[in-house]
Amino acid sequence: MNERFTSDLVFILIVLLVAALLGFLIGFFIRRIRRARFLALENENELLKIKLDESKVKLDESRVRLDETKNKLEECHQENERLLKQTFDAEAARRVFNMKIVENDLKIVEGIGEKIDSILRNNGITTWLQLSQASPEKIKDMLLTDGGPNYKIHEPKTWPAQALLAHEGKWEQLKEYQDQLTGGR
């Protein structure tokens, strides 16, 4: 019985030793895997911190650009208000053009006659200011859409500039500019 007891004891000790060794190895590898994951998460965390810092810088830059845009918009609103408050001096216009000028008469613009005036007014352009703010391409589209292909020969590139001079009451400059033009071109 002693031999059997000894062999059983040796077997149990070997099994315990193998179990302890396996437990140690499993624990060792689990710790390595966890450490690798921990390091990977730390690296990812550092990268995210860098991205966060970059995002904060971009956000600050965007805020600065937003403030600049707000300031420019406010300046535009003030300029628009100033332009809208322009007072029409019929006498000054008459002296320069030697004829009676009616406020917001689009025909004062070189290249615009009765029919084009009618087309523009039908499309909502009734003032010099509105004409000065319209793009030449938009005006050309109006002419072709409402007037047809016969209006293809008209070139409204200078009309907004002329209209702005009229709106601002810069009659001498308008007259000099128109003297350089031929048929609004």
Protein backbone atom coordinates (compact mmCIF):
# COMPACT_ATOMS: atom_id res chain seq x y z
CA MET A 1 0.00 0.00 0.00
CA ASN A 2 2.86 2.19 0.55
CA GLU A 3 3.92 1.87 -3.02
CA ARG A 4 0.47 2.62 -4.23
CA PHE A 5 0.22 5.60 -1.92
CA THR A 6 3.58 6.88 -3.08
CA SER A 7 2.77 6.47 -6.73
CA ASP A 8 -0.59 8.16 -6.22
CA LEU A 9 1.09 10.94 -4.31
CA VAL A 10 3.70 11.39 -7.01
CA PHE A 11 0.95 11.41 -9.64
CA ILE A 12 -1.01 14.01 -7.69
CA LEU A 13 2.11 16.14 -7.21
CA ILE A 14 2.95 15.91 -10.91
CA VAL A 15 -0.62 16.85 -11.83
CA LEU A 16 -0.51 19.77 -9.37
CA LEU A 17 2.87 20.81 -10.69
CA VAL A 18 1.64 20.64 -14.30
CA ALA A 19 -1.53 22.53 -13.31
CA ALA A 20 0.53 25.18 -11.53
CA LEU A 21 2.85 25.47 -14.52
CA LEU A 22 -0.10 25.73 -16.93
CA GLY A 23 -1.77 28.32 -14.66
CA PHE A 24 1.45 30.31 -14.57
CA LEU A 25 1.85 30.15 -18.36
CA ILE A 26 -1.78 31.03 -19.00
CA GLY A 27 -1.55 33.94 -16.55
CA PHE A 28 1.70 35.08 -18.12
CA PHE A 29 0.23 35.12 -21.64
CA ILE A 30 -3.00 36.78 -20.47
CA ARG A 31 -0.95 39.52 -18.77
CA ARG A 32 1.08 40.01 -21.98
CA ILE A 33 -2.10 40.23 -24.07
CA ARG A 34 -3.66 42.67 -21.60
CA ARG A 35 -0.48 44.73 -21.51
CA ALA A 36 -0.38 44.83 -25.32
CA ARG A 37 -4.03 45.91 -25.37
CA PHE A 38 -3.34 48.49 -22.70
CA LEU A 39 -0.42 49.91 -24.71
CA ALA A 40 -2.54 49.91 -27.87
CA LEU A 41 -5.31 51.76 -26.04
CA GLU A 42 -2.81 54.25 -24.62
CA ASN A 43 -1.45 54.89 -28.13
CA GLU A 44 -4.96 55.28 -29.51
CA ASN A 45 -5.76 57.63 -26.63
CA GLU A 46 -2.69 59.75 -27.45
CA LEU A 47 -3.70 59.88 -31.12
CA LEU A 48 -7.21 60.93 -30.14
CA LYS A 49 -5.78 63.66 -27.88
CA ILE A 50 -3.70 64.94 -30.81
CA LYS A 51 -6.78 64.90 -33.07
CA LEU A 52 -8.75 66.70 -30.37
CA ASP A 53 -6.08 69.39 -30.13
CA GLU A 54 -6.06 69.76 -33.93
CA SER A 55 -9.85 69.99 -33.92
CA LYS A 56 -9.71 72.70 -31.24
CA VAL A 57 -7.25 74.69 -33.38
CA LYS A 58 -9.51 74.29 -36.43
CA LEU A 59 -12.52 75.29 -34.36
CA ASP A 60 -10.71 78.43 -33.18
CA GLU A 61 -9.75 79.24 -36.78
CA SER A 62 -13.34 78.72 -37.86
CA ARG A 63 -14.54 81.03 -35.11
CA VAL A 64 -12.11 83.70 -36.28
CA ARG A 65 -13.30 83.29 -39.89
CA LEU A 66 -16.91 83.39 -38.69
CA ASP A 67 -16.25 86.63 -36.82
CA GLU A 68 -14.54 88.09 -39.91
CA THR A 69 -17.49 87.03 -42.06
CA LYS A 70 -19.94 88.56 -39.59
CA ASN A 71 -17.99 91.82 -39.69
CA LYS A 72 -17.94 91.81 -43.49
CA LEU A 73 -21.66 91.04 -43.57
CA GLU A 74 -22.32 93.92 -41.20
CA GLU A 75 -20.23 96.21 -43.42
CA CYS A 76 -22.23 95.04 -46.44
CA HIS A 77 -25.49 95.71 -44.62
CA GLN A 78 -24.28 99.20 -43.71
CA GLU A 79 -23.16 99.83 -47.30
CA ASN A 80 -26.49 98.53 -48.58
CA GLU A 81 -28.34 100.83 -46.19
CA ARG A 82 -26.18 103.73 -47.35
CA LEU A 83 -26.92 102.89 -50.98
CA LEU A 84 -30.64 102.60 -50.29
CA LYS A 85 -30.66 106.01 -48.62
CA GLN A 86 -29.11 107.77 -51.63
CA THR A 87 -31.16 110.83 -52.51
CA PHE A 88 -31.92 111.54 -56.12
CA ASP A 89 -30.85 114.98 -57.37
CA ALA A 90 -32.79 115.51 -60.59
CA GLU A 91 -31.22 118.93 -61.17
CA ALA A 92 -27.65 117.59 -61.05
CA ALA A 93 -28.60 114.84 -63.52
CA ARG A 94 -30.29 117.36 -65.85
CA ARG A 95 -27.20 119.59 -65.85
CA VAL A 96 -24.93 116.72 -66.92
CA PHE A 97 -27.25 115.07 -69.47
CA ASN A 98 -29.04 118.27 -70.63
CA MET A 99 -32.39 116.56 -70.29
CA LYS A 100 -34.88 115.70 -67.58
CA ILE A 101 -33.92 112.50 -65.75
CA VAL A 102 -36.52 110.60 -63.76
CA GLU A 103 -35.41 108.62 -60.72
CA ASN A 104 -34.83 104.92 -61.49
CA ASP A 105 -35.37 105.39 -65.22
CA LEU A 106 -33.46 102.37 -66.51
CA LYS A 107 -33.26 103.92 -69.98
CA ILE A 108 -30.53 106.28 -68.70
CA VAL A 109 -28.23 103.25 -68.97
CA GLU A 110 -26.47 103.10 -72.34
CA GLY A 111 -27.90 100.12 -74.26
CA ILE A 112 -31.33 100.04 -72.59
CA GLY A 113 -34.35 101.25 -74.55
CA GLU A 114 -38.11 100.99 -74.08
CA LYS A 115 -38.40 97.25 -74.82
CA ILE A 116 -35.46 96.21 -72.65
CA ASP A 117 -36.73 98.50 -69.88
CA SER A 118 -40.06 96.67 -70.10
CA ILE A 119 -38.38 93.24 -69.97
CA LEU A 120 -36.32 94.23 -66.93
CA ARG A 121 -39.31 95.69 -65.10
CA ASN A 122 -41.37 92.56 -65.85
CA ASN A 123 -38.57 90.55 -64.20
CA GLY A 124 -38.57 92.67 -61.03
CA ILE A 125 -35.71 95.05 -61.85
CA THR A 126 -37.32 98.43 -61.34
CA THR A 127 -34.55 100.51 -59.77
CA TRP A 128 -30.97 101.46 -60.59
CA LEU A 129 -29.86 99.71 -57.39
CA GLN A 130 -31.55 96.45 -58.40
CA LEU A 131 -29.98 96.65 -61.85
CA SER A 132 -26.56 97.34 -60.30
CA GLN A 133 -26.89 94.19 -58.19
CA ALA A 134 -27.95 91.93 -61.07
CA SER A 135 -25.30 89.91 -62.86
CA PRO A 136 -24.85 90.47 -66.60
CA GLU A 137 -25.52 86.75 -67.15
CA LYS A 138 -28.86 87.00 -65.33
CA ILE A 139 -29.81 90.07 -67.36
CA LYS A 140 -28.84 88.32 -70.61
CA ASP A 141 -30.99 85.32 -69.64
CA MET A 142 -33.95 87.64 -69.02
CA LEU A 143 -33.50 89.26 -72.42
CA LEU A 144 -33.30 85.94 -74.26
CA THR A 145 -36.14 84.35 -72.30
CA ASP A 146 -38.59 87.24 -72.59
CA GLY A 147 -37.36 88.94 -75.75
CA GLY A 148 -36.25 85.97 -77.79
CA PRO A 149 -33.23 85.43 -80.03
CA ASN A 150 -33.37 88.98 -81.42
CA TYR A 151 -31.96 90.15 -78.07
CA LYS A 152 -28.84 88.03 -78.46
CA ILE A 153 -26.99 91.06 -79.86
CA HIS A 154 -27.41 93.03 -76.61
CA GLU A 155 -24.45 92.84 -74.22
CA PRO A 156 -25.34 93.92 -70.64
CA LYS A 157 -21.80 93.69 -69.19
CA THR A 158 -21.63 97.41 -68.37
CA TRP A 159 -25.23 97.92 -67.29
CA PRO A 160 -24.77 97.13 -63.57
CA ALA A 161 -21.82 99.54 -63.31
CA GLN A 162 -23.76 102.28 -65.09
CA ALA A 163 -26.79 101.69 -62.90
CA LEU A 164 -24.66 101.93 -59.76
CA LEU A 165 -23.21 105.27 -60.87
CA ALA A 166 -26.76 106.51 -61.54
CA HIS A 167 -27.97 105.27 -58.17
CA GLU A 168 -25.07 106.96 -56.38
CA GLY A 169 -25.73 110.19 -58.26
CA LYS A 170 -22.31 110.20 -59.90
CA TRP A 171 -23.61 111.83 -63.07
CA GLU A 172 -20.33 113.19 -64.41
CA GLN A 173 -18.66 109.78 -64.05
CA LEU A 174 -21.64 108.10 -65.68
CA LYS A 175 -21.53 110.50 -68.61
CA GLU A 176 -17.76 109.97 -69.08
CA TYR A 177 -18.20 106.22 -68.90
CA GLN A 178 -21.05 106.24 -71.40
CA ASP A 179 -19.04 108.42 -73.79
CA GLN A 180 -16.53 105.56 -74.00
CA LEU A 181 -19.24 102.98 -74.78
CA THR A 182 -20.95 102.06 -78.01
CA GLY A 183 -24.46 100.73 -77.57
CA GLY A 184 -23.84 99.77 -73.95
CA ARG A 185 -20.61 97.87 -74.73
